[in-house]
PDB file of N, CA and C in Angstrom:
ATOM      1  N   MET A   1     104.962  92.238  56.159  1.00  0.00           N
ATOM      2  CA  MET A   1     104.734  92.897  54.900  1.00  0.00           C
ATOM      3  C   MET A   1     103.309  93.437  54.825  1.00  0.00           C
ATOM      4  N   THR A   2     103.082  94.528  55.461  1.00  0.00           N
ATOM      5  CA  THR A   2     101.774  95.163  55.447  1.00  0.00           C
ATOM      6  C   THR A   2     101.628  96.163  54.310  1.00  0.00           C
ATOM      7  N   ALA A   3     102.685  96.395  53.580  1.00  0.00           N
ATOM      8  CA  ALA A   3     102.633  97.367  52.481  1.00  0.00           C
ATOM      9  C   ALA A   3     101.821  96.834  51.319  1.00  0.00           C
ATOM     10  N   SER A   4     101.843  95.555  51.076  1.00  0.00           N
ATOM     11  CA  SER A   4     101.125  94.981  49.938  1.00  0.00           C
ATOM     12  C   SER A   4      99.610  95.193  50.031  1.00  0.00           C
ATOM     13  N   PRO A   5      98.975  94.895  51.179  1.00  0.00           N
ATOM     14  CA  PRO A   5      97.534  95.168  51.263  1.00  0.00           C
ATOM     15  C   PRO A   5      97.204  96.658  51.100  1.00  0.00           C
ATOM     16  N   LEU A   6      98.059  97.507  51.613  1.00  0.00           N
ATOM     17  CA  LEU A   6      97.832  98.945  51.475  1.00  0.00           C
ATOM     18  C   LEU A   6      97.937  99.362  50.010  1.00  0.00           C
ATOM     19  N   ILE A   7      98.918  98.841  49.313  1.00  0.00           N
ATOM     20  CA  ILE A   7      99.086  99.151  47.892  1.00  0.00           C
ATOM     21  C   ILE A   7      97.895  98.606  47.100  1.00  0.00           C
ATOM     22  N   ASP A   8      97.432  97.417  47.466  1.00  0.00           N
ATOM     23  CA  ASP A   8      96.268  96.828  46.798  1.00  0.00           C
ATOM     24  C   ASP A   8      95.018  97.695  47.011  1.00  0.00           C
ATOM     25  N   GLN A   9      94.844  98.199  48.228  1.00  0.00           N
ATOM     26  CA  GLN A   9      93.703  99.074  48.519  1.00  0.00           C
ATOM     27  C   GLN A   9      93.795 100.362  47.702  1.00  0.00           C
ATOM     28  N   ILE A  10      94.986 100.922  47.632  1.00  0.00           N
ATOM     29  CA  ILE A  10      95.176 102.161  46.865  1.00  0.00           C
ATOM     30  C   ILE A  10      94.917 101.898  45.383  1.00  0.00           C
ATOM     31  N   ALA A  11      95.441 100.777  44.881  1.00  0.00           N
ATOM     32  CA  ALA A  11      95.243 100.434  43.474  1.00  0.00           C
ATOM     33  C   ALA A  11      93.761 100.233  43.164  1.00  0.00           C
ATOM     34  N   GLU A  12      93.049  99.558  44.072  1.00  0.00           N
ATOM     35  CA  GLU A  12      91.609  99.353  43.879  1.00  0.00           C
ATOM     36  C   GLU A  12      90.861 100.684  43.886  1.00  0.00           C
ATOM     37  N   ARG A  13      91.239 101.539  44.798  1.00  0.00           N
ATOM     38  CA  ARG A  13      90.607 102.861  44.886  1.00  0.00           C
ATOM     39  C   ARG A  13      90.866 103.680  43.620  1.00  0.00           C
ATOM     40  N   VAL A  14      92.096 103.622  43.128  1.00  0.00           N
ATOM     41  CA  VAL A  14      92.443 104.332  41.898  1.00  0.00           C
ATOM     42  C   VAL A  14      91.615 103.785  40.736  1.00  0.00           C
ATOM     43  N   GLU A  15      91.468 102.481  40.644  1.00  0.00           N
ATOM     44  CA  GLU A  15      90.664 101.867  39.576  1.00  0.00           C
ATOM     45  C   GLU A  15      89.213 102.345  39.646  1.00  0.00           C
ATOM     46  N   ARG A  16      88.657 102.364  40.851  1.00  0.00           N
ATOM     47  CA  ARG A  16      87.273 102.846  41.011  1.00  0.00           C
ATOM     48  C   ARG A  16      87.161 104.309  40.607  1.00  0.00           C
ATOM     49  N   LEU A  17      88.153 105.118  40.977  1.00  0.00           N
ATOM     50  CA  LEU A  17      88.140 106.528  40.603  1.00  0.00           C
ATOM     51  C   LEU A  17      88.243 106.708  39.087  1.00  0.00           C
ATOM     52  N   LEU A  18      89.058 105.871  38.454  1.00  0.00           N
ATOM     53  CA  LEU A  18      89.178 105.944  36.996  1.00  0.00           C
ATOM     54  C   LEU A  18      87.868 105.573  36.305  1.00  0.00           C
ATOM     55  N   VAL A  19      87.193 104.552  36.823  1.00  0.00           N
ATOM     56  CA  VAL A  19      85.895 104.156  36.267  1.00  0.00           C
ATOM     57  C   VAL A  19      84.879 105.275  36.460  1.00  0.00           C
ATOM     58  N   ARG A  20      84.866 105.832  37.645  1.00  0.00           N
ATOM     59  CA  ARG A  20      83.928 106.934  37.935  1.00  0.00           C
ATOM     60  C   ARG A  20      84.235 108.146  37.057  1.00  0.00           C
ATOM     61  N   HIS A  21      85.499 108.426  36.873  1.00  0.00           N
ATOM     62  CA  HIS A  21      85.908 109.543  36.007  1.00  0.00           C
ATOM     63  C   HIS A  21      85.387 109.330  34.592  1.00  0.00           C
ATOM     64  N   GLU A  22      85.517 108.122  34.071  1.00  0.00           N
ATOM     65  CA  GLU A  22      85.044 107.827  32.714  1.00  0.00           C
ATOM     66  C   GLU A  22      83.523 107.963  32.629  1.00  0.00           C
ATOM     67  N   GLU A  23      82.815 107.499  33.641  1.00  0.00           N
ATOM     68  CA  GLU A  23      81.353 107.645  33.671  1.00  0.00           C
ATOM     69  C   GLU A  23      80.965 109.118  33.641  1.00  0.00           C
ATOM     70  N   LEU A  24      81.631 109.902  34.475  1.00  0.00           N
ATOM     71  CA  LEU A  24      81.314 111.334  34.528  1.00  0.00           C
ATOM     72  C   LEU A  24      81.680 112.042  33.225  1.00  0.00           C
ATOM     73  N   ARG A  25      82.776 111.629  32.597  1.00  0.00           N
ATOM     74  CA  ARG A  25      83.172 112.224  31.324  1.00  0.00           C
ATOM     75  C   ARG A  25      82.117 111.942  30.250  1.00  0.00           C
ATOM     76  N   ARG A  26      81.620 110.697  30.209  1.00  0.00           N
ATOM     77  CA  ARG A  26      80.573 110.347  29.230  1.00  0.00           C
ATOM     78  C   ARG A  26      79.279 111.089  29.526  1.00  0.00           C
ATOM     79  N   THR A  27      78.912 111.177  30.793  1.00  0.00           N
ATOM     80  CA  THR A  27      77.707 111.917  31.169  1.00  0.00           C
ATOM     81  C   THR A  27      77.829 113.379  30.774  1.00  0.00           C
ATOM     82  N   ASN A  28      78.986 113.960  31.018  1.00  0.00           N
ATOM     83  CA  ASN A  28      79.211 115.356  30.660  1.00  0.00           C
ATOM     84  C   ASN A  28      79.104 115.549  29.147  1.00  0.00           C
ATOM     85  N   GLU A  29      79.650 114.621  28.381  1.00  0.00           N
ATOM     86  CA  GLU A  29      79.570 114.706  26.924  1.00  0.00           C
ATOM     87  C   GLU A  29      78.115 114.656  26.453  1.00  0.00           C
ATOM     88  N   LEU A  30      77.340 113.744  27.042  1.00  0.00           N
ATOM     89  CA  LEU A  30      75.919 113.654  26.687  1.00  0.00           C
ATOM     90  C   LEU A  30      75.174 114.936  27.058  1.00  0.00           C
ATOM     91  N   LEU A  31      75.490 115.489  28.213  1.00  0.00           N
ATOM     92  CA  LEU A  31      74.843 116.732  28.633  1.00  0.00           C
ATOM     93  C   LEU A  31      75.222 117.883  27.709  1.00  0.00           C
ATOM     94  N   GLU A  32      76.468 117.925  27.277  1.00  0.00           N
ATOM     95  CA  GLU A  32      76.888 118.978  26.344  1.00  0.00           C
ATOM     96  C   GLU A  32      76.151 118.853  25.018  1.00  0.00           C
ATOM     97  N   GLN A  33      75.955 117.616  24.547  1.00  0.00           N
ATOM     98  CA  GLN A  33      75.195 117.404  23.317  1.00  0.00           C
ATOM     99  C   GLN A  33      73.750 117.846  23.487  1.00  0.00           C
ATOM    100  N   ARG A  34      73.174 117.553  24.643  1.00  0.00           N
ATOM    101  CA  ARG A  34      71.781 117.949  24.915  1.00  0.00           C
ATOM    102  C   ARG A  34      71.656 119.461  24.970  1.00  0.00           C
ATOM    103  N   VAL A  35      72.609 120.125  25.608  1.00  0.00           N
ATOM    104  CA  VAL A  35      72.596 121.592  25.667  1.00  0.00           C
ATOM    105  C   VAL A  35      72.680 122.164  24.258  1.00  0.00           C
ATOM    106  N   LEU A  36      73.543 121.598  23.427  1.00  0.00           N
ATOM    107  CA  LEU A  36      73.681 122.067  22.057  1.00  0.00           C
ATOM    108  C   LEU A  36      72.376 121.882  21.288  1.00  0.00           C
ATOM    109  N   ALA A  37      71.743 120.725  21.429  1.00  0.00           N
ATOM    110  CA  ALA A  37      70.473 120.468  20.753  1.00  0.00           C
ATOM    111  C   ALA A  37      69.395 121.442  21.226  1.00  0.00           C
ATOM    112  N   LEU A  38      69.329 121.671  22.535  1.00  0.00           N
ATOM    113  CA  LEU A  38      68.329 122.595  23.072  1.00  0.00           C
ATOM    114  C   LEU A  38      68.608 124.034  22.636  1.00  0.00           C
ATOM    115  N   THR A  39      69.873 124.381  22.519  1.00  0.00           N
ATOM    116  CA  THR A  39      70.226 125.720  22.048  1.00  0.00           C
ATOM    117  C   THR A  39      69.766 125.910  20.610  1.00  0.00           C
ATOM    118  N   HIS A  40      69.990 124.898  19.779  1.00  0.00           N
ATOM    119  CA  HIS A  40      69.533 124.980  18.390  1.00  0.00           C
ATOM    120  C   HIS A  40      68.009 125.066  18.322  1.00  0.00           C
ATOM    121  N   GLU A  41      67.328 124.269  19.147  1.00  0.00           N
ATOM    122  CA  GLU A  41      65.871 124.287  19.166  1.00  0.00           C
ATOM    123  C   GLU A  41      65.357 125.663  19.612  1.00  0.00           C
ATOM    124  N   ARG A  42      65.980 126.215  20.649  1.00  0.00           N
ATOM    125  CA  ARG A  42      65.582 127.542  21.125  1.00  0.00           C
ATOM    126  C   ARG A  42      65.777 128.598  20.041  1.00  0.00           C
ATOM    127  N   ASP A  43      66.920 128.552  19.372  1.00  0.00           N
ATOM    128  CA  ASP A  43      67.192 129.514  18.317  1.00  0.00           C
ATOM    129  C   ASP A  43      66.185 129.382  17.175  1.00  0.00           C
ATOM    130  N   SER A  44      65.833 128.156  16.847  1.00  0.00           N
ATOM    131  CA  SER A  44      64.835 127.926  15.796  1.00  0.00           C
ATOM    132  C   SER A  44      63.469 128.474  16.214  1.00  0.00           C
ATOM    133  N   LEU A  45      63.092 128.226  17.456  1.00  0.00           N
ATOM    134  CA  LEU A  45      61.796 128.729  17.944  1.00  0.00           C
ATOM    135  C   LEU A  45      61.778 130.258  17.990  1.00  0.00           C
ATOM    136  N   LYS A  46      62.899 130.860  18.392  1.00  0.00           N
ATOM    137  CA  LYS A  46      62.972 132.320  18.414  1.00  0.00           C
ATOM    138  C   LYS A  46      62.836 132.877  17.008  1.00  0.00           C
ATOM    139  N   SER A  47      63.463 132.217  16.051  1.00  0.00           N
ATOM    140  CA  SER A  47      63.383 132.651  14.661  1.00  0.00           C
ATOM    141  C   SER A  47      61.949 132.529  14.145  1.00  0.00           C
ATOM    142  N   ARG A  48      61.298 131.410  14.459  1.00  0.00           N
ATOM    143  CA  ARG A  48      59.906 131.232  14.035  1.00  0.00           C
ATOM    144  C   ARG A  48      58.995 132.267  14.689  1.00  0.00           C
ATOM    145  N   LEU A  49      59.249 132.570  15.960  1.00  0.00           N
ATOM    146  CA  LEU A  49      58.458 133.573  16.662  1.00  0.00           C
ATOM    147  C   LEU A  49      58.617 134.941  16.020  1.00  0.00           C
ATOM    148  N   MET A  50      59.858 135.297  15.700  1.00  0.00           N
ATOM    149  CA  MET A  50      60.099 136.598  15.073  1.00  0.00           C
ATOM    150  C   MET A  50      59.401 136.664  13.710  1.00  0.00           C
ATOM    151  N   ALA A  51      59.429 135.571  12.945  1.00  0.00           N
ATOM    152  CA  ALA A  51      58.756 135.546  11.640  1.00  0.00           C
ATOM    153  C   ALA A  51      57.247 135.679  11.823  1.00  0.00           C
ATOM    154  N   ALA A  52      56.690 134.995  12.814  1.00  0.00           N
ATOM    155  CA  ALA A  52      55.248 135.087  13.072  1.00  0.00           C
ATOM    156  C   ALA A  52      54.872 136.503  13.498  1.00  0.00           C
ATOM    157  N   ARG A  53      55.695 137.119  14.333  1.00  0.00           N
ATOM    158  CA  ARG A  53      55.423 138.503  14.745  1.00  0.00           C
ATOM    159  C   ARG A  53      55.447 139.443  13.550  1.00  0.00           C
ATOM    160  N   ALA A  54      56.400 139.218  12.652  1.00  0.00           N
ATOM    161  CA  ALA A  54      56.483 140.060  11.457  1.00  0.00           C
ATOM    162  C   ALA A  54      55.235 139.886  10.600  1.00  0.00           C
ATOM    163  N   ARG A  55      54.749 138.646  10.469  1.00  0.00           N
ATOM    164  CA  ARG A  55      53.520 138.413   9.688  1.00  0.00           C
ATOM    165  C   ARG A  55      52.320 139.075  10.353  1.00  0.00           C
ATOM    166  N   VAL A  56      52.215 138.961  11.679  1.00  0.00           N
ATOM    167  CA  VAL A  56      51.096 139.590  12.393  1.00  0.00           C
ATOM    168  C   VAL A  56      51.178 141.111  12.251  1.00  0.00           C
ATOM    169  N   ASP A  57      52.372 141.679  12.415  1.00  0.00           N
ATOM    170  CA  ASP A  57      52.533 143.128  12.242  1.00  0.00           C
ATOM    171  C   ASP A  57      52.135 143.546  10.839  1.00  0.00           C
ATOM    172  N   SER A  58      52.498 142.757   9.848  1.00  0.00           N
ATOM    173  CA  SER A  58      52.138 143.064   8.468  1.00  0.00           C
ATOM    174  C   SER A  58      50.623 143.032   8.286  1.00  0.00           C
ATOM    175  N   LEU A  59      49.979 142.034   8.882  1.00  0.00           N
ATOM    176  CA  LEU A  59      48.514 141.948   8.791  1.00  0.00           C
ATOM    177  C   LEU A  59      47.851 143.122   9.495  1.00  0.00           C
ATOM    178  N   ILE A  60      48.383 143.509  10.638  1.00  0.00           N
ATOM    179  CA  ILE A  60      47.822 144.647  11.376  1.00  0.00           C
ATOM    180  C   ILE A  60      47.959 145.922  10.550  1.00  0.00           C
ATOM    181  N   ASP A  61      49.104 146.083   9.900  1.00  0.00           N
ATOM    182  CA  ASP A  61      49.311 147.273   9.065  1.00  0.00           C
ATOM    183  C   ASP A  61      48.355 147.314   7.885  1.00  0.00           C
ATOM    184  N   ARG A  62      47.900 146.160   7.431  1.00  0.00           N
ATOM    185  CA  ARG A  62      46.991 146.107   6.285  1.00  0.00           C
ATOM    186  C   ARG A  62      45.531 146.302   6.681  1.00  0.00           C
ATOM    187  N   LEU A  63      45.237 146.268   7.971  1.00  0.00           N
ATOM    188  CA  LEU A  63      43.849 146.467   8.414  1.00  0.00           C
ATOM    189  C   LEU A  63      43.404 147.886   8.079  1.00  0.00           C
ATOM    190  N   PRO A  64      42.124 148.023   7.677  1.00  0.00           N
ATOM    191  CA  PRO A  64      41.631 149.384   7.406  1.00  0.00           C
ATOM    192  C   PRO A  64      41.545 150.171   8.709  1.00  0.00           C
ATOM    193  N   ALA A  65      41.593 151.480   8.557  1.00  0.00           N
ATOM    194  CA  ALA A  65      41.452 152.355   9.728  1.00  0.00           C
ATOM    195  C   ALA A  65      40.060 152.165  10.312  1.00  0.00           C
ATOM    196  N   ALA A  66      39.924 152.347  11.603  1.00  0.00           N
ATOM    197  CA  ALA A  66      38.638 152.174  12.274  1.00  0.00           C
ATOM    198  C   ALA A  66      37.653 153.211  11.774  1.00  0.00           C
ATOM    199  N   SER A  67      36.381 152.825  11.678  1.00  0.00           N
ATOM    200  CA  SER A  67      35.346 153.754  11.223  1.00  0.00           C
ATOM    201  C   SER A  67      35.060 154.777  12.327  1.00  0.00           C
ATOM    202  N   PRO A  68      34.485 155.933  11.961  1.00  0.00           N
ATOM    203  CA  PRO A  68      34.211 156.969  12.973  1.00  0.00           C
ATOM    204  C   PRO A  68      33.297 156.478  14.091  1.00  0.00           C
ATOM    205  N   SER A  69      32.298 155.625  13.776  1.00  0.00           N
ATOM    206  CA  SER A  69      31.396 155.155  14.831  1.00  0.00           C
ATOM    207  C   SER A  69      32.149 154.307  15.845  1.00  0.00           C
ATOM    208  N   VAL A  70      33.126 153.557  15.410  1.00  0.00           N
ATOM    209  CA  VAL A  70      33.927 152.760  16.342  1.00  0.00           C
ATOM    210  C   VAL A  70      34.826 153.683  17.139  1.00  0.00           C
ATOM    211  N   ASP A  71      35.385 154.703  16.478  1.00  0.00           N
ATOM    212  CA  ASP A  71      36.252 155.644  17.165  1.00  0.00           C
ATOM    213  C   ASP A  71      35.504 156.384  18.273  1.00  0.00           C
ATOM    214  N   GLN A  72      34.199 156.638  18.056  1.00  0.00           N
ATOM    215  CA  GLN A  72      33.418 157.383  19.039  1.00  0.00           C
ATOM    216  C   GLN A  72      32.803 156.458  20.087  1.00  0.00           C
ATOM    217  N   GLY A  73      33.057 155.197  19.987  1.00  0.00           N
ATOM    218  CA  GLY A  73      32.552 154.263  20.990  1.00  0.00           C
ATOM    219  C   GLY A  73      31.103 153.893  20.788  1.00  0.00           C
ATOM    220  N   LEU A  74      30.545 154.037  19.609  1.00  0.00           N
ATOM    221  CA  LEU A  74      29.159 153.662  19.355  1.00  0.00           C
ATOM    222  C   LEU A  74      29.065 152.143  19.267  1.00  0.00           C
ATOM    223  N   THR A  75      27.923 151.615  19.708  1.00  0.00           N
ATOM    224  CA  THR A  75      27.762 150.173  19.728  1.00  0.00           C
ATOM    225  C   THR A  75      27.000 149.665  18.511  1.00  0.00           C
ATOM    226  N   GLY A  76      26.475 150.518  17.709  1.00  0.00           N
ATOM    227  CA  GLY A  76      25.689 150.100  16.582  1.00  0.00           C
ATOM    228  C   GLY A  76      24.210 150.261  16.844  1.00  0.00           C
ATOM    229  N   LYS A  77      23.781 150.266  18.079  1.00  0.00           N
ATOM    230  CA  LYS A  77      22.376 150.423  18.431  1.00  0.00           C
ATOM    231  C   LYS A  77      21.896 151.842  18.140  1.00  0.00           C
ATOM    232  N   GLU A  78      22.839 152.779  18.145  1.00  0.00           N
ATOM    233  CA  GLU A  78      22.463 154.168  17.920  1.00  0.00           C
ATOM    234  C   GLU A  78      21.961 154.388  16.497  1.00  0.00           C
ATOM    235  N   HIS A  79      22.297 153.470  15.604  1.00  0.00           N
ATOM    236  CA  HIS A  79      21.903 153.614  14.205  1.00  0.00           C
ATOM    237  C   HIS A  79      20.522 153.063  13.936  1.00  0.00           C
ATOM    238  N   LEU A  80      19.938 152.323  14.885  1.00  0.00           N
ATOM    239  CA  LEU A  80      18.628 151.724  14.685  1.00  0.00           C
ATOM    240  C   LEU A  80      17.534 152.738  14.977  1.00  0.00           C
ATOM    241  N   ALA A  81      16.464 152.685  14.160  1.00  0.00           N
ATOM    242  CA  ALA A  81      15.315 153.586  14.387  1.00  0.00           C
ATOM    243  C   ALA A  81      14.509 153.057  15.555  1.00  0.00           C
ATOM    244  N   PRO A  82      13.936 153.966  16.359  1.00  0.00           N
ATOM    245  CA  PRO A  82      13.159 153.526  17.526  1.00  0.00           C
ATOM    246  C   PRO A  82      11.833 152.927  17.152  1.00  0.00           C
TER     247      PRO A  82
END
């Protein structure tokens, strides 16, 4: 009766595979949760970045136009008397 040890080996192997399958399923679930959390974090950061860019653009638009001396590349020394 050599079939019994063979069946026992197969049964043991199946049990190990089932345990490994459950471990991998749990790991995959945790990884999916982490991906979801990171996706939400990325989306939040992108939204904050876009809001900050809009604020900076608004501030830039409110800046006064450059003075003529700056436009002509003067350093300010040209205005001093010798």
